Protein backbone atom coordinates (compact mmCIF):
# COMPACT_ATOMS: atom_id res chain seq x y z
CA ILE A 1 -4.51 -11.90 -7.25
CA LEU A 2 -2.26 -9.65 -4.83
CA ASP A 3 -3.68 -10.56 -1.63
CA ARG A 4 -1.85 -12.40 1.00
CA PRO A 5 -2.39 -16.48 0.67
CA ARG A 6 -3.70 -16.52 4.27
CA ASN A 7 -6.53 -13.90 3.07
CA ALA A 8 -7.88 -16.06 0.95
CA PRO A 9 -8.18 -19.02 2.61
CA THR A 10 -10.51 -20.95 -0.05
CA ARG A 11 -8.45 -19.76 -3.37
CA THR A 12 -5.43 -20.76 -1.50
CA ALA A 13 -6.62 -24.17 -0.25
CA LEU A 14 -7.91 -24.82 -3.77
CA GLY A 15 -4.72 -24.55 -5.30
CA VAL A 16 -2.98 -26.55 -2.91
CA ALA A 17 -5.26 -28.86 -3.82
CA TRP A 18 -4.35 -28.84 -7.56
CA ILE A 19 -0.96 -28.81 -6.74
CA THR A 20 -1.54 -31.76 -4.75
CA ALA A 21 -3.35 -33.79 -7.66
CA TYR A 22 -0.79 -32.98 -10.28
CA PHE A 23 1.87 -34.49 -8.17
CA ILE A 24 0.42 -37.35 -7.43
CA GLY A 25 -0.22 -37.65 -11.25
CA LEU A 26 3.41 -37.37 -11.38
CA VAL A 27 4.14 -40.28 -9.34
CA GLY A 28 1.28 -42.17 -10.97
CA GLY A 29 3.09 -41.03 -14.39
CA GLY A 30 6.67 -42.21 -13.16
CA ASN A 31 5.50 -45.22 -10.30
CA ASP A 32 7.75 -47.64 -13.37
CA LEU A 33 10.71 -45.40 -11.90
CA TRP A 34 10.33 -45.11 -8.82
CA ALA A 35 9.24 -48.81 -8.37
CA THR A 36 13.48 -49.43 -9.80
CA HIS A 37 14.92 -46.69 -8.01
CA PHE A 38 13.64 -47.22 -4.52
CA HIS A 39 12.87 -51.19 -5.06
CA LEU A 40 9.13 -50.52 -4.09
CA SER A 41 6.23 -52.87 -5.61
CA LEU A 42 4.73 -51.30 -8.26
CA ASN A 43 1.31 -52.45 -7.30
CA ALA A 44 1.63 -50.68 -4.01
CA ILE A 45 2.50 -47.56 -5.87
CA SER A 46 -0.38 -47.78 -8.23
CA TRP A 47 -2.54 -48.49 -5.24
CA PHE A 48 -1.28 -45.46 -3.01
CA VAL A 49 -1.53 -43.33 -6.38
CA ARG A 50 -5.36 -44.91 -7.02
CA ILE A 51 -6.10 -43.81 -3.18
CA PHE A 52 -4.20 -40.83 -2.74
CA PHE A 53 -5.18 -39.26 -6.36
CA PHE A 54 -8.60 -38.25 -4.81
CA ALA A 55 -8.31 -38.28 -1.07
CA GLY A 56 -4.99 -36.10 -1.22
CA PRO A 57 -6.31 -33.02 -2.70
CA VAL A 58 -9.38 -33.38 -0.31
CA ILE A 59 -6.83 -33.52 2.76
CA ALA A 60 -4.30 -30.79 1.55
CA PHE A 61 -7.61 -28.71 0.90
CA ILE A 62 -8.50 -29.17 4.89
CA VAL A 63 -5.10 -28.85 6.07
CA THR A 64 -4.58 -25.60 3.96
CA LYS A 65 -7.67 -23.68 5.08
CA ARG A 66 -7.03 -24.51 8.52
CA ILE A 67 -3.54 -22.97 8.42
CA CYS A 68 -4.62 -19.71 6.69
CA LEU A 69 -7.44 -19.61 9.01
CA GLY A 70 -5.03 -19.57 12.30
CA LEU A 71 -2.61 -17.60 10.59
CA GLN A 72 -5.36 -14.78 10.09
CA ARG A 73 -6.59 -15.60 13.91
CA ARG A 74 -2.74 -14.63 15.08
CA ASP A 75 -2.97 -11.39 12.52
CA ARG A 76 -5.72 -10.30 14.30
CA ASP A 77 -4.52 -10.92 17.86
CA LYS A 78 -1.07 -9.42 16.73
CA VAL A 79 -3.29 -6.12 15.74
CA LEU A 80 -5.14 -6.41 18.58
CA HIS A 81 -2.41 -6.83 21.73
CA GLY A 82 0.80 -5.73 19.77
CA ARG A 83 3.62 -8.02 19.09
CA GLU A 84 5.12 -10.03 21.95
CA THR A 85 8.55 -8.26 23.20
CA GLY A 86 9.63 -11.19 25.17
CA ILE A 87 9.43 -9.37 28.64
CA ILE A 88 7.69 -11.13 31.16
CA LYS A 89 6.81 -8.81 34.34
CA ARG A 90 4.73 -10.07 37.64
CA LEU A 91 1.61 -8.44 38.64
CA PRO A 92 1.57 -7.27 42.59
CA HIS A 93 -1.46 -10.21 42.89
CA GLY A 94 1.16 -12.85 41.44
CA GLU A 95 -0.06 -12.85 37.84
CA PHE A 96 2.60 -13.02 35.15
CA VAL A 97 2.40 -11.36 31.98
CA GLU A 98 4.04 -10.53 29.13
CA ILE A 99 4.57 -7.39 27.58
CA HIS A 100 3.11 -6.43 24.58
CA GLU A 101 4.78 -3.61 21.92
CA PRO A 102 2.13 -2.00 19.69
CA LEU A 103 2.66 -2.50 15.84
CA SER A 104 4.05 0.20 13.51
CA PRO A 105 1.25 1.98 11.65
CA GLY A 106 3.14 0.03 8.52
CA GLN A 107 2.65 -3.06 10.25
CA LEU A 108 -0.85 -2.34 10.98
CA HIS A 109 -1.37 -1.34 7.19
CA THR A 110 0.29 -4.93 5.93
CA LEU A 111 -2.70 -6.51 8.75
CA THR A 112 -5.17 -5.01 7.67
CA ALA A 113 -5.52 -3.69 4.21
CA HIS A 114 -7.06 -6.71 2.56
CA GLU A 115 -10.61 -6.63 1.57
CA GLN A 116 -13.21 -9.05 3.02
CA TYR A 117 -15.54 -10.03 0.68
CA LYS A 118 -19.41 -10.75 1.04
CA PRO A 119 -21.01 -13.65 -0.29
CA VAL A 120 -23.75 -13.21 -2.79
CA GLU A 121 -27.23 -12.75 -1.85
CA LEU A 122 -30.33 -14.09 -3.55
CA GLY A 123 -32.36 -11.21 -2.05
CA PRO A 124 -35.84 -11.59 -1.21
CA GLU A 125 -38.33 -14.10 -2.93
CA VAL A 126 -41.17 -11.56 -3.37
CA ASP A 127 -40.87 -7.76 -3.74
CA GLU A 128 -42.03 -4.68 -2.26
CA ASN A 129 -45.36 -4.91 -4.15
CA GLY A 130 -45.92 -8.56 -3.92
CA VAL A 131 -44.47 -9.53 -6.76
CA LYS A 132 -42.68 -13.12 -6.87
CA ARG A 133 -38.82 -12.44 -8.18
CA LYS A 134 -37.86 -15.30 -10.58
CA ILE A 135 -34.65 -16.89 -9.94
CA SER A 136 -32.88 -18.42 -12.53
CA PRO A 137 -30.89 -22.03 -11.75
CA VAL A 138 -27.48 -19.70 -12.43
CA GLN A 139 -27.58 -16.92 -9.76
CA LYS A 140 -28.57 -19.84 -7.49
CA VAL A 141 -25.28 -21.39 -8.55
CA ARG A 142 -23.86 -18.71 -7.87
CA ALA A 143 -24.72 -17.41 -4.61
CA LYS A 144 -23.58 -21.22 -3.33
CA LEU A 145 -20.50 -20.92 -4.53
CA SER A 146 -20.24 -17.47 -3.02
CA GLN A 147 -21.12 -18.47 0.53
CA GLY A 148 -19.05 -21.33 0.18
CA TYR A 149 -15.91 -19.08 -0.90
CA TYR A 150 -16.62 -16.05 1.27
CA GLY A 151 -19.34 -16.97 3.75
CA GLU A 152 -19.40 -17.61 7.39
CA ASN A 153 -16.19 -19.86 8.92
CA ASN A 154 -14.30 -18.95 5.45
CA GLN A 155 -12.48 -15.98 6.84
CA ILE A 156 -11.68 -14.26 10.24
CA ALA A 157 -12.93 -11.01 10.38
CA LYS A 158 -10.50 -8.38 10.93
CA PRO A 159 -10.58 -5.96 13.79
CA THR A 160 -12.14 -3.20 13.07
CA ALA A 161 -10.85 0.37 14.48
CA GLU A 162 -13.14 0.72 17.58
CA GLU A 163 -11.79 -2.74 18.54
CA TYR A 164 -8.25 -1.54 18.11
CA LYS A 165 -9.06 1.76 19.87
CA GLU A 166 -11.00 -0.17 22.66
CA ILE A 167 -7.80 -2.30 23.48
CA SER A 168 -5.04 -0.10 23.21
CA GLU A 169 -6.71 2.22 24.99
CA GLY A 170 -8.68 0.33 27.60
CA HIS A 171 -7.12 -2.18 29.88
CA GLY A 172 -6.79 -5.32 27.96
CA HIS A 173 -3.09 -4.03 26.55
CA HIS A 174 -0.27 -4.94 28.42
């Protein structure tokens, strides 16, 4: 619950989708007031609500999830390469690079302290003795929901200590 919203993109996107549906419902509930105060057609508002009550949350979900994943990518790059200083340096062969400054331990902790949960897996269909395992429909649904919530393309892997050490000690750090 205390995760940063960007570190739980599916949960954040579901929340934004719900809020979008709620506000579209509020617009629909007050469509007569919207029509009289803003000189709009009551039928146009009703059609807007009919369409966007279903399309709005889907669009909001996709946009929010993409924003959260983009923020995760930015955090990952910031941890690996440091913060931009605004100082431009010209290298001997003519290339211009921006100098990066390493993050403080507190900033590193803030950007990397979150849990990255793994999706629930069903496991093998047959155990080590060759006995077929019974998988209930509830277990199948749980695994599918878990895959959709925590699976591939639902979070950006946070940098490992080895990656950080390799970049900060290596040649890739300006």
